[in-house]
Protein backbone atom coordinates (compact mmCIF):
# COMPACT_ATOMS: atom_id res chain seq x y z
CA MET A 1 116.59 -35.44 12.57
CA THR A 2 113.07 -36.17 13.70
CA ALA A 3 111.37 -33.47 15.72
CA VAL A 4 110.23 -34.45 19.17
CA THR A 5 106.61 -33.55 19.86
CA ALA A 6 104.94 -33.35 23.22
CA SER A 7 102.74 -36.24 24.12
CA PRO A 8 99.08 -35.40 24.68
CA ASN A 9 99.51 -37.13 28.01
CA ALA A 10 102.55 -35.08 28.97
CA GLU A 11 100.70 -33.32 31.74
CA GLY A 12 99.60 -36.63 33.15
CA ALA A 13 103.18 -37.86 32.93
CA ARG A 14 104.35 -34.85 34.86
CA ALA A 15 101.66 -35.53 37.45
CA SER A 16 103.14 -39.00 37.99
CA LEU A 17 106.27 -37.36 39.40
CA ALA A 18 104.30 -36.18 42.42
CA GLY A 19 104.78 -37.76 45.81
CA PRO A 20 102.79 -37.38 49.04
CA SER A 21 104.76 -34.25 49.97
CA ASP A 22 103.72 -32.59 46.70
CA TYR A 23 100.03 -33.20 47.34
CA LEU A 24 100.51 -31.91 50.86
CA ALA A 25 102.16 -28.76 49.48
CA LEU A 26 99.20 -28.34 47.12
CA LEU A 27 96.98 -28.00 50.20
CA LYS A 28 99.02 -25.08 51.60
CA PRO A 29 99.53 -26.76 54.99
CA ARG A 30 100.76 -23.64 56.80
CA VAL A 31 97.65 -21.72 55.81
CA MET A 32 95.53 -24.75 56.63
CA SER A 33 97.03 -25.00 60.12
CA LEU A 34 96.12 -21.38 60.86
CA VAL A 35 92.60 -21.91 59.56
CA VAL A 36 92.09 -25.05 61.65
CA PHE A 37 93.58 -23.44 64.75
CA THR A 38 91.32 -20.38 64.67
CA ALA A 39 88.30 -22.60 64.05
CA LEU A 40 89.30 -24.88 66.93
CA ALA A 41 89.67 -21.93 69.32
CA ALA A 42 86.17 -20.75 68.40
CA MET A 43 84.80 -24.26 68.94
CA ILE A 44 86.38 -24.41 72.39
CA VAL A 45 84.83 -21.12 73.54
CA ALA A 46 81.44 -21.69 71.91
CA PRO A 47 78.63 -22.34 74.42
CA GLY A 48 77.31 -25.84 74.71
CA GLY A 49 79.32 -28.76 73.51
CA LEU A 50 79.91 -31.12 70.63
CA HIS A 51 80.63 -34.82 70.75
CA PRO A 52 84.39 -35.35 70.29
CA VAL A 53 83.83 -37.41 67.14
CA LEU A 54 81.66 -34.66 65.63
CA ALA A 55 84.15 -32.01 66.72
CA MET A 56 86.98 -33.88 65.00
CA SER A 57 84.79 -34.35 61.94
CA ALA A 58 84.08 -30.62 61.81
CA LEU A 59 87.78 -29.77 62.10
CA LEU A 60 88.64 -32.32 59.42
CA CYS A 61 86.06 -30.83 57.07
CA ILE A 62 87.41 -27.33 57.71
CA ALA A 63 90.97 -28.54 57.10
CA VAL A 64 90.02 -30.34 53.89
CA GLY A 65 88.01 -27.34 52.71
CA ALA A 66 90.96 -25.02 53.37
CA GLY A 67 93.27 -27.41 51.55
CA ALA A 68 90.87 -27.61 48.63
CA ALA A 69 90.82 -23.82 48.36
CA GLY A 70 94.62 -23.81 48.42
CA ALA A 71 94.80 -26.42 45.66
CA LEU A 72 92.33 -24.53 43.47
CA ASN A 73 94.27 -21.32 44.11
CA GLN A 74 97.47 -22.99 42.92
CA TRP A 75 95.70 -24.42 39.88
CA PHE A 76 94.49 -20.99 38.78
CA ASP A 77 97.62 -19.07 39.79
CA ALA A 78 100.15 -21.45 38.21
CA ASP A 79 101.21 -18.78 35.71
CA ILE A 80 101.88 -16.26 38.49
CA ASP A 81 103.52 -18.83 40.75
CA ALA A 82 105.95 -19.81 37.98
CA ILE A 83 107.27 -16.23 37.83
CA MET A 84 107.65 -15.55 41.54
CA THR A 85 110.74 -16.82 43.35
CA ARG A 86 108.75 -17.57 46.51
CA THR A 87 106.23 -19.79 44.72
CA ARG A 88 107.91 -21.25 41.64
CA THR A 89 108.75 -24.51 43.42
CA ARG A 90 105.09 -25.23 44.14
CA PRO A 91 103.92 -28.54 42.63
CA VAL A 92 102.02 -27.15 39.62
CA PRO A 93 104.56 -24.61 38.27
CA ALA A 94 107.35 -27.07 39.06
CA GLY A 95 105.63 -29.63 36.82
CA LYS A 96 105.15 -32.26 39.51
CA ILE A 97 101.36 -32.07 39.44
CA GLY A 98 99.46 -31.31 36.26
CA SER A 99 97.09 -28.36 36.12
CA GLN A 100 94.05 -30.53 35.34
CA GLU A 101 94.92 -32.88 38.17
CA ALA A 102 95.22 -29.99 40.61
CA LEU A 103 91.80 -28.73 39.49
CA GLU A 104 90.19 -32.14 39.91
CA PHE A 105 91.94 -32.77 43.22
CA GLY A 106 90.89 -29.41 44.67
CA GLY A 107 87.36 -29.63 43.33
CA THR A 108 86.84 -33.12 44.71
CA LEU A 109 88.13 -32.14 48.14
CA ALA A 110 85.95 -29.02 48.17
CA LEU A 111 82.79 -31.00 47.43
CA PHE A 112 83.73 -33.71 49.92
CA SER A 113 84.38 -31.21 52.73
CA VAL A 114 81.08 -29.38 52.26
CA PHE A 115 78.89 -32.46 51.91
CA ALA A 116 80.63 -34.23 54.80
CA MET A 117 80.14 -31.15 56.99
CA ALA A 118 76.44 -31.02 56.09
CA PHE A 119 75.91 -34.74 56.68
CA LEU A 120 78.01 -35.16 59.82
CA VAL A 121 77.76 -31.81 61.60
CA GLY A 122 75.08 -29.49 60.23
CA TYR A 123 73.88 -27.38 57.34
CA VAL A 124 74.83 -23.99 58.81
CA PRO A 125 78.58 -24.71 59.08
CA ALA A 126 78.41 -26.48 55.71
CA VAL A 127 76.94 -23.41 54.01
CA LEU A 128 79.56 -21.20 55.65
CA LEU A 129 82.33 -23.56 54.55
CA ALA A 130 81.03 -23.59 50.98
CA ALA A 131 80.81 -19.78 50.99
CA THR A 132 84.37 -19.51 52.30
CA ILE A 133 85.80 -21.79 49.60
CA ALA A 134 83.78 -20.08 46.87
CA PHE A 135 84.78 -16.60 48.01
CA TYR A 136 88.47 -17.51 48.16
CA VAL A 137 88.51 -19.20 44.77
CA PHE A 138 86.08 -17.19 42.66
CA VAL A 139 86.18 -13.75 44.27
CA TYR A 140 89.75 -13.46 45.58
CA THR A 141 91.82 -15.78 43.39
CA MET A 142 90.06 -15.36 40.04
CA TRP A 143 89.05 -11.71 40.34
CA LEU A 144 90.44 -9.51 43.11
CA LYS A 145 94.04 -10.73 43.17
CA ARG A 146 94.73 -9.72 39.59
CA SER A 147 92.49 -6.69 39.30
CA THR A 148 92.66 -4.39 42.33
CA VAL A 149 95.05 -3.07 44.93
CA GLN A 150 92.34 -3.89 47.47
CA ASN A 151 92.73 -7.60 46.69
CA ILE A 152 93.96 -8.67 50.10
CA VAL A 153 91.67 -6.28 51.99
CA ILE A 154 88.46 -7.70 50.52
CA GLY A 155 89.82 -11.18 49.96
CA GLY A 156 90.77 -11.41 53.63
CA ALA A 157 87.14 -12.16 54.42
CA ALA A 158 87.66 -15.76 53.31
CA GLY A 159 90.45 -16.37 55.79
CA ALA A 160 88.49 -14.66 58.55
CA LEU A 161 85.46 -16.97 58.40
CA PRO A 162 86.83 -20.18 59.99
CA PRO A 163 86.06 -19.06 63.60
CA VAL A 164 82.46 -18.45 62.53
CA ILE A 165 82.35 -21.91 60.94
CA GLY A 166 83.78 -23.50 64.08
CA TRP A 167 81.31 -21.66 66.30
CA ALA A 168 78.40 -22.66 64.06
CA ALA A 169 79.54 -26.28 64.12
CA VAL A 170 79.03 -26.31 67.90
CA THR A 171 76.01 -24.05 68.29
CA GLY A 172 74.25 -24.34 64.93
CA ASN A 173 74.08 -20.54 65.00
CA ALA A 174 76.17 -18.11 62.93
CA PHE A 175 74.81 -14.88 64.36
CA ASP A 176 76.34 -14.61 67.84
CA GLY A 177 78.58 -11.65 68.57
CA LEU A 178 81.87 -13.25 69.65
CA PRO A 179 82.57 -15.26 66.47
CA TRP A 180 82.07 -12.15 64.36
CA LEU A 181 84.48 -10.22 66.58
CA LEU A 182 86.96 -13.03 65.92
CA PHE A 183 86.18 -12.64 62.22
CA LEU A 184 86.91 -8.92 62.51
CA ILE A 185 90.25 -9.55 64.21
CA ILE A 186 91.45 -11.80 61.39
CA PHE A 187 89.95 -9.51 58.74
CA LEU A 188 91.89 -6.52 60.09
CA TRP A 189 95.01 -8.61 60.70
CA THR A 190 95.22 -9.89 57.10
CA PRO A 191 96.21 -6.65 55.27
CA PRO A 192 99.22 -5.70 57.44
CA HIS A 193 100.28 -9.35 57.52
CA PHE A 194 100.31 -9.71 53.73
CA TRP A 195 101.46 -6.16 52.96
CA ALA A 196 104.55 -6.77 55.09
CA LEU A 197 105.27 -9.89 53.03
CA ALA A 198 104.57 -7.96 49.83
CA LEU A 199 107.03 -5.25 50.86
CA ALA A 200 109.73 -7.87 51.33
CA GLY A 201 108.80 -9.55 48.03
CA HIS A 202 108.07 -6.42 46.01
CA ASP A 203 110.11 -7.50 42.98
CA ASP A 204 108.34 -10.86 42.81
CA TYR A 205 104.89 -9.29 42.71
CA ALA A 206 106.03 -6.64 40.23
CA ARG A 207 107.37 -9.29 37.82
CA ALA A 208 104.14 -11.26 38.11
CA LYS A 209 102.09 -8.06 37.61
CA VAL A 210 100.04 -8.69 40.74
CA PRO A 211 98.65 -5.31 41.89
CA MET A 212 99.74 -5.58 45.50
CA LEU A 213 99.86 -2.29 47.40
CA PRO A 214 103.68 -1.87 47.33
CA VAL A 215 103.71 -2.41 43.55
CA VAL A 216 100.86 0.01 42.80
CA LYS A 217 101.27 2.69 45.48
CA GLY A 218 104.87 2.30 46.57
CA SER A 219 106.73 1.60 49.77
CA ARG A 220 105.78 4.70 51.75
CA VAL A 221 102.03 4.32 51.22
CA THR A 222 102.29 0.63 52.13
CA ARG A 223 104.11 1.41 55.35
CA ASN A 224 101.48 4.01 56.20
CA HIS A 225 98.72 1.48 55.63
CA ILE A 226 100.41 -1.22 57.71
CA LEU A 227 100.79 1.12 60.66
CA ALA A 228 97.26 2.50 60.25
CA TYR A 229 95.70 -0.97 60.27
CA THR A 230 97.36 -1.98 63.53
CA PHE A 231 95.22 0.50 65.49
CA PRO A 232 91.76 -0.80 64.52
CA LEU A 233 93.21 -4.32 64.82
CA ALA A 234 94.21 -3.56 68.42
CA ALA A 235 90.73 -2.18 69.14
CA ALA A 236 89.09 -5.27 67.68
CA ALA A 237 91.43 -7.57 69.60
CA VAL A 238 90.60 -6.08 73.01
CA ALA A 239 86.90 -5.58 72.23
CA PRO A 240 85.82 -9.06 73.42
CA THR A 241 87.21 -8.31 76.88
CA LEU A 242 85.76 -4.79 76.97
CA LEU A 243 82.38 -6.30 76.10
CA ASN A 244 82.72 -8.94 78.85
CA LEU A 245 82.80 -11.77 76.34
CA THR A 246 86.25 -12.90 77.50
CA GLY A 247 88.27 -12.63 80.68
CA PRO A 248 91.56 -11.09 81.81
CA VAL A 249 93.88 -13.76 80.38
CA TYR A 250 92.72 -13.11 76.84
CA GLY A 251 92.52 -9.37 77.46
CA ALA A 252 96.12 -9.16 78.68
CA VAL A 253 97.52 -11.19 75.78
CA ALA A 254 95.49 -9.20 73.23
CA ALA A 255 96.55 -5.86 74.73
CA VAL A 256 100.27 -6.67 75.07
CA GLY A 257 100.41 -8.35 71.68
CA SER A 258 98.65 -5.42 70.02
CA VAL A 259 101.05 -2.90 71.56
CA ALA A 260 103.98 -4.98 70.29
CA PHE A 261 102.40 -5.19 66.83
CA ILE A 262 101.95 -1.40 66.73
CA ALA A 263 105.55 -0.91 67.88
CA LEU A 264 106.96 -3.16 65.15
CA ALA A 265 104.78 -1.47 62.54
CA PHE A 266 106.09 1.88 63.76
CA VAL A 267 109.68 0.64 63.44
CA LEU A 268 108.90 -0.42 59.87
CA TRP A 269 107.24 2.95 59.20
CA ARG A 270 110.42 4.77 60.28
CA ALA A 271 112.96 2.33 58.81
CA PRO A 272 115.42 3.63 56.22
CA ALA A 273 115.16 2.08 52.76
CA GLU A 274 118.09 -0.29 53.26
CA GLN A 275 116.43 -1.75 56.38
CA GLU A 276 112.90 -1.96 55.00
CA ARG A 277 112.98 -5.62 54.00
CA THR A 278 114.31 -6.74 57.38
CA ALA A 279 111.74 -4.64 59.24
CA ALA A 280 108.94 -5.90 56.98
CA LEU A 281 109.87 -9.54 57.53
CA ARG A 282 109.95 -8.89 61.27
CA VAL A 283 106.38 -7.54 61.11
CA PHE A 284 105.31 -10.50 58.97
CA ALA A 285 106.80 -13.06 61.36
CA PHE A 286 105.37 -11.37 64.43
CA SER A 287 101.93 -11.13 62.85
CA ILE A 288 101.76 -14.92 62.67
CA PHE A 289 102.86 -15.26 66.29
CA TYR A 290 100.34 -12.56 67.27
CA LEU A 291 97.36 -14.36 65.78
CA PHE A 292 98.34 -17.68 67.30
CA ALA A 293 98.89 -16.02 70.69
CA VAL A 294 95.53 -14.26 70.69
CA PHE A 295 93.59 -17.37 69.73
CA THR A 296 95.60 -19.55 72.10
CA ALA A 297 94.75 -17.19 74.95
CA LEU A 298 91.10 -17.35 73.94
CA ALA A 299 91.04 -21.14 74.10
CA VAL A 300 93.20 -21.49 77.22
CA GLU A 301 91.08 -18.98 79.10
CA LYS A 302 87.98 -21.07 78.46
CA LEU A 303 89.77 -24.27 79.45
CA ILE A 304 90.86 -22.78 82.80
CA GLY A 305 87.40 -21.48 83.58
CA PHE A 306 86.94 -18.01 82.04
CA ALA A 307 84.05 -18.78 79.72
CA PRO A 308 82.58 -16.05 77.52
CA LEU A 309 79.23 -14.71 78.64
CA THR A 310 76.24 -15.89 76.64
């Protein structure tokens, strides 16, 4: 019986199985939507204005850049994704898109997004976009994620930069106070958001040997950290109103949402072991709603007339 050997073009053959939905999945559309939304909110509240065509171009570049980072993340993390139940159906570990193709696809989109941003909108947002992609891919994905329990704490900086990019796209300036407060909100939001997910998916991360906090330090320490982070997050969320950079609509949503976040984190902190996963998923789900609510309030407040002071 003749042995069957793999074709040198097997990876390319696997890539041919991909459809439009697989390439969309490679871009991590849920993460992309959050990135675009926070950038859009910052663009709405930024002083001055931007031509609608340029504004759409900036948002498209941010979306493509975020998708490129997601594709490159999936290219590099294919070995981890294949082990974890939550991620093993992604296009690369599932064999629908070849590893090399994912690399080329992500790299091409990354270059396109940065150069298009520079040419169409400005060099400041383009540099920030390039730094965000590079930090997510090279610092978080290739280094921090596999090497330190602080992976999501430090790596969260990449996901926190889109409001600064959006602000810079409108103003040409990356050094105003409000966009960096928005950065701080997302930066402090990221650890409890992902640690709650990691608590619920502890076994997945343990099998993949990813040093997430629940795997390295255990459930109790993780719960302590989640609760502890909600307090500085609440302070950062209400800070724009306390500093007269936003009005009462945003302030009320940020305050009520933060109290609810703290309450859910406290419920998780006190939950018995058999209820931990349910409580953790509740925190995770609410954290997404919380961020959307805060940034929606920010944008709506500007649209109804409560502009930040400049």
